[in-house]
Amino acid sequence: MATAFQKFKNDTLSDKIFYVVLTIILTIFFILVLYPCIFVLAASFSSGPAVQAGRVYLWPVDFSLEGYKTVFNTSTVWTGFRNSLFYTVAGTCINIFVTMIAAYGLSRPDVPGRNGLMLFFTFTMFFSGGMIPSYMLVQKLGMLNTPWALLIPGAMGVYNMIVARTFIQSNIPIELLEAAKIDGCDDITYFVRIVIPLSKAILAVLTLFYGVGHWNAYFNAMIYLHDKELYPLTLFLREILMADQIDPSTVADPELQAQLAQAAGVIKYALIVVSMIPVLLIYPFVQKYFVKGVMIGSIKG
């Protein structure tokens, strides 16, 4: 800190003005991003009348846990949480498996036609069939109203594959493959025992990208799923936010059923907080790999 302050003192006047203005702008953006999170958290711990009256700003007013009690006593919330957990874990595993296989294959200079394949993959980033052809494809494949409709169509993100491919090219020299082949190592063994262990940084980044994407996804579920037993948590959250209340028949506690109308606003905020917890728990474990994986996988290409 002292070194940074000393450097600031030695800077020219124009540099000082630039740093001050930049700091002010970034601080304003930080507050704009942070305040909604603080408000949601404060409202989730406030009483229903306080939220309805608009008395909540930064701190909980009339501290209450009624919103969380209602959320955790609602059967649809547990159903959605279980489904979202399954979609996130299963979907992320499928995504990483397909992405790493494609990235490894396209990183090999001896793969015939790899430039054409890369052009084909890149083309899909800008052009697609659209919603109706995608729906018809899922329907013809028999995946409509099944978990596979959320797992298979988006099995690989092209952007993530390009980042992983660049990471492999930049950090795993082709000489390592040649040395492994001399020792009798085949391609599958080389990929599983050498490429994957050396790709922990990019694997952590892909896990975060894909995991957060699956956890927050709701549009595909809204289109492809009709059975509420298959709904992810985000789709239940959407219904609750649009209806401005939870269906009383899904609440197990009779006393909480009577409080639903008054606590509608608190319930929304409590459910938002609950839906964010898994992502907040995962992020610290992959944070140390995040910057390294993204930067190394995007600088060279």
C-alpha atoms as a PDB file:
ATOM      1  CA  MET A   1       0.000   0.000   0.000  1.00  0.00           C
ATOM      2  CA  ALA A   2       2.813   2.379   0.909  1.00  0.00           C
ATOM      3  CA  THR A   3       4.606   1.567  -2.353  1.00  0.00           C
ATOM      4  CA  ALA A   4       1.473   2.314  -4.374  1.00  0.00           C
ATOM      5  CA  PHE A   5       0.991   5.611  -2.534  1.00  0.00           C
ATOM      6  CA  GLN A   6       4.625   6.580  -3.130  1.00  0.00           C
ATOM      7  CA  LYS A   7       4.263   5.783  -6.836  1.00  0.00           C
ATOM      8  CA  PHE A   8       1.124   7.930  -6.957  1.00  0.00           C
ATOM      9  CA  LYS A   9       3.021  10.859  -5.422  1.00  0.00           C
ATOM     10  CA  ASN A  10       5.728  10.563  -8.081  1.00  0.00           C
ATOM     11  CA  ASP A  11       3.280  10.478 -10.992  1.00  0.00           C
ATOM     12  CA  THR A  12       2.672  13.469 -13.225  1.00  0.00           C
ATOM     13  CA  LEU A  13      -0.360  15.696 -12.709  1.00  0.00           C
ATOM     14  CA  SER A  14      -2.169  14.230 -15.729  1.00  0.00           C
ATOM     15  CA  ASP A  15      -1.606  10.707 -14.407  1.00  0.00           C
ATOM     16  CA  LYS A  16      -2.940  11.682 -10.991  1.00  0.00           C
ATOM     17  CA  ILE A  17      -6.060  13.202 -12.535  1.00  0.00           C
ATOM     18  CA  PHE A  18      -6.562  10.076 -14.635  1.00  0.00           C
ATOM     19  CA  TYR A  19      -6.242   7.764 -11.606  1.00  0.00           C
ATOM     20  CA  VAL A  20      -8.601   9.884  -9.490  1.00  0.00           C
ATOM     21  CA  VAL A  21     -11.264  10.053 -12.211  1.00  0.00           C
ATOM     22  CA  LEU A  22     -10.905   6.339 -12.936  1.00  0.00           C
ATOM     23  CA  THR A  23     -11.215   5.508  -9.232  1.00  0.00           C
ATOM     24  CA  ILE A  24     -14.365   7.612  -8.922  1.00  0.00           C
ATOM     25  CA  ILE A  25     -15.953   5.992 -11.985  1.00  0.00           C
ATOM     26  CA  LEU A  26     -15.101   2.462 -10.834  1.00  0.00           C
ATOM     27  CA  THR A  27     -16.379   3.225  -7.338  1.00  0.00           C
ATOM     28  CA  ILE A  28     -19.693   4.418  -8.763  1.00  0.00           C
ATOM     29  CA  PHE A  29     -20.023   1.277 -10.879  1.00  0.00           C
ATOM     30  CA  PHE A  30     -19.104  -0.858  -7.856  1.00  0.00           C
ATOM     31  CA  ILE A  31     -21.842   0.782  -5.779  1.00  0.00           C
ATOM     32  CA  LEU A  32     -24.374   0.377  -8.593  1.00  0.00           C
ATOM     33  CA  VAL A  33     -23.588  -3.337  -8.798  1.00  0.00           C
ATOM     34  CA  LEU A  34     -23.328  -3.919  -5.049  1.00  0.00           C
ATOM     35  CA  TYR A  35     -26.414  -2.055  -3.863  1.00  0.00           C
ATOM     36  CA  PRO A  36     -29.035  -4.397  -5.443  1.00  0.00           C
ATOM     37  CA  CYS A  37     -27.313  -7.362  -3.759  1.00  0.00           C
ATOM     38  CA  ILE A  38     -27.319  -5.573  -0.387  1.00  0.00           C
ATOM     39  CA  PHE A  39     -30.972  -4.590  -0.830  1.00  0.00           C
ATOM     40  CA  VAL A  40     -32.074  -8.136  -1.691  1.00  0.00           C
ATOM     41  CA  LEU A  41     -30.183  -9.537   1.306  1.00  0.00           C
ATOM     42  CA  ALA A  42     -31.590  -6.887   3.653  1.00  0.00           C
ATOM     43  CA  ALA A  43     -35.153  -7.350   2.366  1.00  0.00           C
ATOM     44  CA  SER A  44     -34.961 -11.115   2.783  1.00  0.00           C
ATOM     45  CA  PHE A  45     -34.338 -10.651   6.533  1.00  0.00           C
ATOM     46  CA  SER A  46     -36.992  -7.955   6.987  1.00  0.00           C
ATOM     47  CA  SER A  47     -40.663  -8.260   7.873  1.00  0.00           C
ATOM     48  CA  GLY A  48     -43.389  -8.334   5.234  1.00  0.00           C
ATOM     49  CA  PRO A  49     -44.977  -4.985   6.182  1.00  0.00           C
ATOM     50  CA  ALA A  50     -41.576  -3.257   6.152  1.00  0.00           C
ATOM     51  CA  VAL A  51     -40.829  -4.509   2.628  1.00  0.00           C
ATOM     52  CA  GLN A  52     -44.307  -3.620   1.358  1.00  0.00           C
ATOM     53  CA  ALA A  53     -44.028  -0.129   2.856  1.00  0.00           C
ATOM     54  CA  GLY A  54     -40.662   0.433   1.158  1.00  0.00           C
ATOM     55  CA  ARG A  55     -38.790   1.021   4.417  1.00  0.00           C
ATOM     56  CA  VAL A  56     -35.881  -1.285   3.563  1.00  0.00           C
ATOM     57  CA  TYR A  57     -32.774   0.316   2.069  1.00  0.00           C
ATOM     58  CA  LEU A  58     -29.457  -1.000   3.428  1.00  0.00           C
ATOM     59  CA  TRP A  59     -30.275  -2.871   6.638  1.00  0.00           C
ATOM     60  CA  PRO A  60     -33.040  -5.316   7.609  1.00  0.00           C
ATOM     61  CA  VAL A  61     -36.069  -3.601   9.128  1.00  0.00           C
ATOM     62  CA  ASP A  62     -37.978  -5.494  11.844  1.00  0.00           C
ATOM     63  CA  PHE A  63     -35.642  -8.490  11.534  1.00  0.00           C
ATOM     64  CA  SER A  64     -37.563 -11.614  10.580  1.00  0.00           C
ATOM     65  CA  LEU A  65     -36.933 -15.082   9.158  1.00  0.00           C
ATOM     66  CA  GLU A  66     -40.485 -15.564   7.884  1.00  0.00           C
ATOM     67  CA  GLY A  67     -39.365 -15.450   4.257  1.00  0.00           C
ATOM     68  CA  TYR A  68     -36.822 -18.239   4.715  1.00  0.00           C
ATOM     69  CA  LYS A  69     -39.270 -20.305   6.791  1.00  0.00           C
ATOM     70  CA  THR A  70     -41.805 -20.122   3.982  1.00  0.00           C
ATOM     71  CA  VAL A  71     -39.221 -20.931   1.314  1.00  0.00           C
ATOM     72  CA  PHE A  72     -37.890 -23.986   3.144  1.00  0.00           C
ATOM     73  CA  ASN A  73     -41.434 -25.209   3.871  1.00  0.00           C
ATOM     74  CA  THR A  74     -42.433 -25.015   0.203  1.00  0.00           C
ATOM     75  CA  SER A  75     -42.339 -28.352  -1.603  1.00  0.00           C
ATOM     76  CA  THR A  76     -41.766 -26.846  -5.060  1.00  0.00           C
ATOM     77  CA  VAL A  77     -38.612 -25.090  -3.843  1.00  0.00           C
ATOM     78  CA  TRP A  78     -37.068 -28.389  -2.722  1.00  0.00           C
ATOM     79  CA  THR A  79     -38.148 -30.046  -5.985  1.00  0.00           C
ATOM     80  CA  GLY A  80     -36.601 -27.233  -8.004  1.00  0.00           C
ATOM     81  CA  PHE A  81     -33.439 -27.223  -5.902  1.00  0.00           C
ATOM     82  CA  ARG A  82     -33.000 -30.973  -6.388  1.00  0.00           C
ATOM     83  CA  ASN A  83     -33.579 -30.713 -10.136  1.00  0.00           C
ATOM     84  CA  SER A  84     -31.241 -27.720 -10.523  1.00  0.00           C
ATOM     85  CA  LEU A  85     -28.542 -29.560  -8.613  1.00  0.00           C
ATOM     86  CA  PHE A  86     -28.900 -32.566 -10.914  1.00  0.00           C
ATOM     87  CA  TYR A  87     -28.926 -30.454 -14.086  1.00  0.00           C
ATOM     88  CA  THR A  88     -25.890 -28.498 -12.913  1.00  0.00           C
ATOM     89  CA  VAL A  89     -23.774 -31.488 -11.900  1.00  0.00           C
ATOM     90  CA  ALA A  90     -24.754 -33.766 -14.798  1.00  0.00           C
ATOM     91  CA  GLY A  91     -24.728 -30.964 -17.366  1.00  0.00           C
ATOM     92  CA  THR A  92     -21.341 -29.640 -16.262  1.00  0.00           C
ATOM     93  CA  CYS A  93     -19.800 -33.122 -16.419  1.00  0.00           C
ATOM     94  CA  ILE A  94     -21.159 -33.629 -19.945  1.00  0.00           C
ATOM     95  CA  ASN A  95     -20.015 -30.150 -21.004  1.00  0.00           C
ATOM     96  CA  ILE A  96     -16.476 -30.607 -19.717  1.00  0.00           C
ATOM     97  CA  PHE A  97     -16.181 -34.109 -21.207  1.00  0.00           C
ATOM     98  CA  VAL A  98     -17.283 -33.009 -24.688  1.00  0.00           C
ATOM     99  CA  THR A  99     -15.432 -29.676 -24.580  1.00  0.00           C
ATOM    100  CA  MET A 100     -12.095 -31.144 -23.518  1.00  0.00           C
ATOM    101  CA  ILE A 101     -12.261 -33.949 -26.084  1.00  0.00           C
ATOM    102  CA  ALA A 102     -13.004 -31.468 -28.875  1.00  0.00           C
ATOM    103  CA  ALA A 103     -10.389 -28.997 -27.604  1.00  0.00           C
ATOM    104  CA  TYR A 104      -7.710 -31.682 -27.382  1.00  0.00           C
ATOM    105  CA  GLY A 105      -8.463 -33.036 -30.855  1.00  0.00           C
ATOM    106  CA  LEU A 106      -8.405 -29.593 -32.444  1.00  0.00           C
ATOM    107  CA  SER A 107      -5.190 -28.673 -30.621  1.00  0.00           C
ATOM    108  CA  ARG A 108      -3.289 -31.480 -32.343  1.00  0.00           C
ATOM    109  CA  PRO A 109      -1.427 -30.210 -35.418  1.00  0.00           C
ATOM    110  CA  ASP A 110      -1.516 -33.694 -36.972  1.00  0.00           C
ATOM    111  CA  VAL A 111      -5.339 -33.863 -37.117  1.00  0.00           C
ATOM    112  CA  PRO A 112      -6.385 -33.656 -40.790  1.00  0.00           C
ATOM    113  CA  GLY A 113      -8.835 -30.879 -41.633  1.00  0.00           C
ATOM    114  CA  ARG A 114      -8.704 -29.268 -38.198  1.00  0.00           C
ATOM    115  CA  ASN A 115      -8.825 -25.747 -39.670  1.00  0.00           C
ATOM    116  CA  GLY A 116     -12.002 -26.625 -41.541  1.00  0.00           C
ATOM    117  CA  LEU A 117     -13.493 -28.087 -38.369  1.00  0.00           C
ATOM    118  CA  MET A 118     -12.611 -24.928 -36.450  1.00  0.00           C
ATOM    119  CA  LEU A 119     -14.316 -22.855 -39.126  1.00  0.00           C
ATOM    120  CA  PHE A 120     -17.377 -25.071 -38.857  1.00  0.00           C
ATOM    121  CA  PHE A 121     -17.512 -24.684 -35.076  1.00  0.00           C
ATOM    122  CA  THR A 122     -16.936 -20.936 -35.263  1.00  0.00           C
ATOM    123  CA  PHE A 123     -19.754 -20.588 -37.798  1.00  0.00           C
ATOM    124  CA  THR A 124     -22.225 -21.914 -35.216  1.00  0.00           C
ATOM    125  CA  MET A 125     -21.289 -19.076 -32.848  1.00  0.00           C
ATOM    126  CA  PHE A 126     -22.839 -16.538 -35.234  1.00  0.00           C
ATOM    127  CA  PHE A 127     -25.582 -18.497 -36.996  1.00  0.00           C
ATOM    128  CA  SER A 128     -28.088 -21.048 -35.719  1.00  0.00           C
ATOM    129  CA  GLY A 129     -31.307 -22.647 -36.845  1.00  0.00           C
ATOM    130  CA  GLY A 130     -33.408 -20.663 -34.394  1.00  0.00           C
ATOM    131  CA  MET A 131     -35.908 -21.551 -31.725  1.00  0.00           C
ATOM    132  CA  ILE A 132     -38.487 -23.426 -33.812  1.00  0.00           C
ATOM    133  CA  PRO A 133     -36.024 -25.755 -35.617  1.00  0.00           C
ATOM    134  CA  SER A 134     -34.306 -26.411 -32.268  1.00  0.00           C
ATOM    135  CA  TYR A 135     -37.639 -27.305 -30.675  1.00  0.00           C
ATOM    136  CA  MET A 136     -38.521 -29.614 -33.577  1.00  0.00           C
ATOM    137  CA  LEU A 137     -35.112 -31.297 -33.334  1.00  0.00           C
ATOM    138  CA  VAL A 138     -35.516 -31.946 -29.602  1.00  0.00           C
ATOM    139  CA  GLN A 139     -39.036 -33.256 -30.239  1.00  0.00           C
ATOM    140  CA  LYS A 140     -37.923 -35.610 -33.049  1.00  0.00           C
ATOM    141  CA  LEU A 141     -35.121 -36.962 -30.871  1.00  0.00           C
ATOM    142  CA  GLY A 142     -37.658 -37.861 -28.191  1.00  0.00           C
ATOM    143  CA  MET A 143     -36.081 -35.611 -25.575  1.00  0.00           C
ATOM    144  CA  LEU A 144     -39.084 -33.311 -25.115  1.00  0.00           C
ATOM    145  CA  ASN A 145     -40.179 -33.099 -21.462  1.00  0.00           C
ATOM    146  CA  THR A 146     -37.133 -35.074 -20.305  1.00  0.00           C
ATOM    147  CA  PRO A 147     -33.959 -33.972 -18.478  1.00  0.00           C
ATOM    148  CA  TRP A 148     -31.965 -34.710 -21.640  1.00  0.00           C
ATOM    149  CA  ALA A 149     -33.539 -31.676 -23.316  1.00  0.00           C
ATOM    150  CA  LEU A 150     -31.526 -29.482 -20.946  1.00  0.00           C
ATOM    151  CA  LEU A 151     -28.313 -31.522 -21.066  1.00  0.00           C
ATOM    152  CA  ILE A 152     -27.674 -32.619 -24.662  1.00  0.00           C
ATOM    153  CA  PRO A 153     -28.494 -29.663 -26.997  1.00  0.00           C
ATOM    154  CA  GLY A 154     -25.966 -27.403 -25.261  1.00  0.00           C
ATOM    155  CA  ALA A 155     -23.381 -30.084 -24.572  1.00  0.00           C
ATOM    156  CA  MET A 156     -20.535 -27.862 -25.772  1.00  0.00           C
ATOM    157  CA  GLY A 157     -19.997 -24.118 -25.830  1.00  0.00           C
ATOM    158  CA  VAL A 158     -17.833 -23.213 -28.815  1.00  0.00           C
ATOM    159  CA  TYR A 159     -16.258 -20.221 -27.064  1.00  0.00           C
ATOM    160  CA  ASN A 160     -15.256 -22.397 -24.099  1.00  0.00           C
ATOM    161  CA  MET A 161     -13.869 -25.012 -26.470  1.00  0.00           C
ATOM    162  CA  ILE A 162     -11.713 -22.396 -28.212  1.00  0.00           C
ATOM    163  CA  VAL A 163     -10.371 -21.168 -24.862  1.00  0.00           C
ATOM    164  CA  ALA A 164      -9.595 -24.756 -23.777  1.00  0.00           C
ATOM    165  CA  ARG A 165      -7.955 -25.527 -27.132  1.00  0.00           C
ATOM    166  CA  THR A 166      -5.734 -22.450 -26.858  1.00  0.00           C
ATOM    167  CA  PHE A 167      -4.841 -23.389 -23.282  1.00  0.00           C
ATOM    168  CA  ILE A 168      -3.736 -26.871 -24.349  1.00  0.00           C
ATOM    169  CA  GLN A 169      -1.705 -25.509 -27.263  1.00  0.00           C
ATOM    170  CA  SER A 170      -0.016 -22.901 -25.062  1.00  0.00           C
ATOM    171  CA  ASN A 171       0.778 -25.037 -22.013  1.00  0.00           C
ATOM    172  CA  ILE A 172       1.198 -28.634 -23.145  1.00  0.00           C
ATOM    173  CA  PRO A 173       4.011 -28.901 -25.718  1.00  0.00           C
ATOM    174  CA  ILE A 174       3.616 -31.372 -28.551  1.00  0.00           C
ATOM    175  CA  GLU A 175       7.033 -32.813 -27.599  1.00  0.00           C
ATOM    176  CA  LEU A 176       5.360 -34.261 -24.522  1.00  0.00           C
ATOM    177  CA  LEU A 177       3.077 -36.314 -26.768  1.00  0.00           C
ATOM    178  CA  GLU A 178       6.028 -37.551 -28.784  1.00  0.00           C
ATOM    179  CA  ALA A 179       7.859 -38.586 -25.618  1.00  0.00           C
ATOM    180  CA  ALA A 180       4.750 -40.365 -24.339  1.00  0.00           C
ATOM    181  CA  LYS A 181       4.347 -42.281 -27.595  1.00  0.00           C
ATOM    182  CA  ILE A 182       7.971 -43.440 -27.388  1.00  0.00           C
ATOM    183  CA  ASP A 183       7.127 -44.890 -23.970  1.00  0.00           C
ATOM    184  CA  GLY A 184       4.181 -46.764 -25.481  1.00  0.00           C
ATOM    185  CA  CYS A 185       1.404 -44.370 -24.463  1.00  0.00           C
ATOM    186  CA  ASP A 186      -1.643 -44.270 -26.744  1.00  0.00           C
ATOM    187  CA  ASP A 187      -3.827 -41.220 -27.378  1.00  0.00           C
ATOM    188  CA  ILE A 188      -6.515 -42.062 -24.807  1.00  0.00           C
ATOM    189  CA  THR A 189      -3.985 -42.718 -22.064  1.00  0.00           C
ATOM    190  CA  TYR A 190      -2.106 -39.538 -22.939  1.00  0.00           C
ATOM    191  CA  PHE A 191      -5.319 -37.502 -22.795  1.00  0.00           C
ATOM    192  CA  VAL A 192      -6.515 -38.989 -19.490  1.00  0.00           C
ATOM    193  CA  ARG A 193      -3.220 -39.225 -17.608  1.00  0.00           C
ATOM    194  CA  ILE A 194      -1.289 -36.242 -18.966  1.00  0.00           C
ATOM    195  CA  VAL A 195      -3.529 -33.646 -20.639  1.00  0.00           C
ATOM    196  CA  ILE A 196      -6.304 -33.642 -18.036  1.00  0.00           C
ATOM    197  CA  PRO A 197      -4.003 -33.367 -14.956  1.00  0.00           C
ATOM    198  CA  LEU A 198      -2.085 -30.518 -16.614  1.00  0.00           C
ATOM    199  CA  SER A 199      -5.316 -28.664 -17.420  1.00  0.00           C
ATOM    200  CA  LYS A 200      -6.591 -28.040 -13.881  1.00  0.00           C
ATOM    201  CA  ALA A 201      -6.720 -24.272 -14.383  1.00  0.00           C
ATOM    202  CA  ILE A 202      -8.891 -24.384 -17.488  1.00  0.00           C
ATOM    203  CA  LEU A 203     -11.010 -27.183 -16.017  1.00  0.00           C
ATOM    204  CA  ALA A 204     -11.788 -24.966 -13.034  1.00  0.00           C
ATOM    205  CA  VAL A 205     -12.769 -22.103 -15.355  1.00  0.00           C
ATOM    206  CA  LEU A 206     -14.971 -24.364 -17.481  1.00  0.00           C
ATOM    207  CA  THR A 207     -16.603 -25.784 -14.363  1.00  0.00           C
ATOM    208  CA  LEU A 208     -17.480 -22.293 -13.189  1.00  0.00           C
ATOM    209  CA  PHE A 209     -18.751 -21.139 -16.597  1.00  0.00           C
ATOM    210  CA  TYR A 210     -20.841 -24.213 -17.288  1.00  0.00           C
ATOM    211  CA  GLY A 211     -21.992 -24.684 -13.696  1.00  0.00           C
ATOM    212  CA  VAL A 212     -23.255 -21.119 -13.305  1.00  0.00           C
ATOM    213  CA  GLY A 213     -24.884 -21.323 -16.725  1.00  0.00           C
ATOM    214  CA  HIS A 214     -26.806 -24.480 -15.831  1.00  0.00           C
ATOM    215  CA  TRP A 215     -27.787 -23.184 -12.400  1.00  0.00           C
ATOM    216  CA  ASN A 216     -29.180 -19.909 -13.781  1.00  0.00           C
ATOM    217  CA  ALA A 217     -30.779 -21.364 -16.934  1.00  0.00           C
ATOM    218  CA  TYR A 218     -34.543 -21.263 -17.241  1.00  0.00           C
ATOM    219  CA  PHE A 219     -35.408 -20.480 -20.878  1.00  0.00           C
ATOM    220  CA  ASN A 220     -34.778 -23.978 -22.284  1.00  0.00           C
ATOM    221  CA  ALA A 221     -36.638 -25.508 -19.349  1.00  0.00           C
ATOM    222  CA  MET A 222     -39.571 -23.187 -20.017  1.00  0.00           C
ATOM    223  CA  ILE A 223     -39.679 -24.319 -23.664  1.00  0.00           C
ATOM    224  CA  TYR A 224     -38.935 -28.037 -23.407  1.00  0.00           C
ATOM    225  CA  LEU A 225     -40.398 -29.074 -20.036  1.00  0.00           C
ATOM    226  CA  HIS A 226     -44.092 -29.402 -19.249  1.00  0.00           C
ATOM    227  CA  ASP A 227     -43.973 -31.560 -16.131  1.00  0.00           C
ATOM    228  CA  LYS A 228     -43.447 -29.418 -13.028  1.00  0.00           C
ATOM    229  CA  GLU A 229     -41.647 -32.300 -11.342  1.00  0.00           C
ATOM    230  CA  LEU A 230     -38.789 -31.633 -13.801  1.00  0.00           C
ATOM    231  CA  TYR A 231     -38.676 -27.848 -13.360  1.00  0.00           C
ATOM    232  CA  PRO A 232     -35.375 -26.337 -12.161  1.00  0.00           C
ATOM    233  CA  LEU A 233     -35.355 -23.875  -9.275  1.00  0.00           C
ATOM    234  CA  THR A 234     -35.029 -20.880 -11.602  1.00  0.00           C
ATOM    235  CA  LEU A 235     -38.298 -21.732 -13.335  1.00  0.00           C
ATOM    236  CA  PHE A 236     -40.127 -21.898 -10.003  1.00  0.00           C
ATOM    237  CA  LEU A 237     -38.462 -18.609  -9.085  1.00  0.00           C
ATOM    238  CA  ARG A 238     -39.701 -17.070 -12.327  1.00  0.00           C
ATOM    239  CA  GLU A 239     -43.252 -18.222 -11.654  1.00  0.00           C
ATOM    240  CA  ILE A 240     -43.131 -16.865  -8.105  1.00  0.00           C
ATOM    241  CA  LEU A 241     -41.756 -13.502  -9.244  1.00  0.00           C
ATOM    242  CA  MET A 242     -44.405 -13.193 -11.964  1.00  0.00           C
ATOM    243  CA  ALA A 243     -47.278 -14.284  -9.708  1.00  0.00           C
ATOM    244  CA  ASP A 244     -45.863 -12.230  -6.814  1.00  0.00           C
ATOM    245  CA  GLN A 245     -46.597 -15.080  -4.397  1.00  0.00           C
ATOM    246  CA  ILE A 246     -46.141 -18.768  -3.652  1.00  0.00           C
ATOM    247  CA  ASP A 247     -49.027 -21.167  -4.179  1.00  0.00           C
ATOM    248  CA  PRO A 248     -50.401 -21.747  -0.620  1.00  0.00           C
ATOM    249  CA  SER A 249     -51.097 -25.420  -1.396  1.00  0.00           C
ATOM    250  CA  THR A 250     -47.340 -26.080  -1.727  1.00  0.00           C
ATOM    251  CA  VAL A 251     -46.550 -24.799   1.789  1.00  0.00           C
ATOM    252  CA  ALA A 252     -46.474 -27.510   4.451  1.00  0.00           C
ATOM    253  CA  ASP A 253     -46.937 -25.310   7.525  1.00  0.00           C
ATOM    254  CA  PRO A 254     -50.611 -24.135   7.970  1.00  0.00           C
ATOM    255  CA  GLU A 255     -49.517 -21.035   9.910  1.00  0.00           C
ATOM    256  CA  LEU A 256     -47.208 -19.972   7.111  1.00  0.00           C
ATOM    257  CA  GLN A 257     -50.020 -20.383   4.592  1.00  0.00           C
ATOM    258  CA  ALA A 258     -51.948 -17.625   6.347  1.00  0.00           C
ATOM    259  CA  GLN A 259     -48.925 -15.307   6.222  1.00  0.00           C
ATOM    260  CA  LEU A 260     -48.228 -15.685   2.497  1.00  0.00           C
ATOM    261  CA  ALA A 261     -50.122 -12.630   1.301  1.00  0.00           C
ATOM    262  CA  GLN A 262     -48.345 -10.346   3.734  1.00  0.00           C
ATOM    263  CA  ALA A 263     -44.927 -11.894   3.215  1.00  0.00           C
ATOM    264  CA  ALA A 264     -45.014 -12.096  -0.610  1.00  0.00           C
ATOM    265  CA  GLY A 265     -42.223  -9.556  -1.097  1.00  0.00           C
ATOM    266  CA  VAL A 266     -39.994 -11.099   1.556  1.00  0.00           C
ATOM    267  CA  ILE A 267     -40.459 -14.578   0.076  1.00  0.00           C
ATOM    268  CA  LYS A 268     -39.212 -13.400  -3.333  1.00  0.00           C
ATOM    269  CA  TYR A 269     -36.043 -11.943  -1.886  1.00  0.00           C
ATOM    270  CA  ALA A 270     -35.420 -14.953   0.368  1.00  0.00           C
ATOM    271  CA  LEU A 271     -35.767 -17.293  -2.603  1.00  0.00           C
ATOM    272  CA  ILE A 272     -33.331 -15.185  -4.638  1.00  0.00           C
ATOM    273  CA  VAL A 273     -30.771 -15.433  -1.824  1.00  0.00           C
ATOM    274  CA  VAL A 274     -31.278 -19.204  -1.504  1.00  0.00           C
ATOM    275  CA  SER A 275     -30.826 -19.656  -5.263  1.00  0.00           C
ATOM    276  CA  MET A 276     -27.484 -17.778  -5.152  1.00  0.00           C
ATOM    277  CA  ILE A 277     -25.940 -19.830  -2.322  1.00  0.00           C
ATOM    278  CA  PRO A 278     -24.558 -22.756  -4.422  1.00  0.00           C
ATOM    279  CA  VAL A 279     -22.740 -20.402  -6.819  1.00  0.00           C
ATOM    280  CA  LEU A 280     -21.290 -18.422  -3.918  1.00  0.00           C
ATOM    281  CA  LEU A 281     -20.052 -21.654  -2.334  1.00  0.00           C
ATOM    282  CA  ILE A 282     -18.380 -22.904  -5.519  1.00  0.00           C
ATOM    283  CA  TYR A 283     -16.606 -19.702  -6.541  1.00  0.00           C
ATOM    284  CA  PRO A 284     -13.950 -19.586  -3.727  1.00  0.00           C
ATOM    285  CA  PHE A 285     -12.674 -23.032  -4.727  1.00  0.00           C
ATOM    286  CA  VAL A 286     -12.040 -22.076  -8.360  1.00  0.00           C
ATOM    287  CA  GLN A 287     -11.068 -18.439  -7.842  1.00  0.00           C
ATOM    288  CA  LYS A 288      -7.317 -19.096  -7.759  1.00  0.00           C
ATOM    289  CA  TYR A 289      -7.502 -20.836 -11.156  1.00  0.00           C
ATOM    290  CA  PHE A 290      -9.932 -18.392 -12.741  1.00  0.00           C
ATOM    291  CA  VAL A 291      -7.664 -15.569 -13.920  1.00  0.00           C
ATOM    292  CA  LYS A 292      -4.831 -17.923 -14.864  1.00  0.00           C
ATOM    293  CA  GLY A 293      -7.083 -20.192 -16.915  1.00  0.00           C
ATOM    294  CA  VAL A 294      -8.858 -17.421 -18.770  1.00  0.00           C
ATOM    295  CA  MET A 295      -5.753 -15.360 -19.538  1.00  0.00           C
ATOM    296  CA  ILE A 296      -3.563 -18.270 -20.639  1.00  0.00           C
ATOM    297  CA  GLY A 297      -6.411 -19.683 -22.700  1.00  0.00           C
ATOM    298  CA  SER A 298      -7.121 -16.429 -24.493  1.00  0.00           C
ATOM    299  CA  ILE A 299      -3.794 -14.679 -25.140  1.00  0.00           C
ATOM    300  CA  LYS A 300      -2.374 -16.997 -27.761  1.00  0.00           C
ATOM    301  CA  GLY A 301      -4.296 -18.602 -30.574  1.00  0.00           C
END
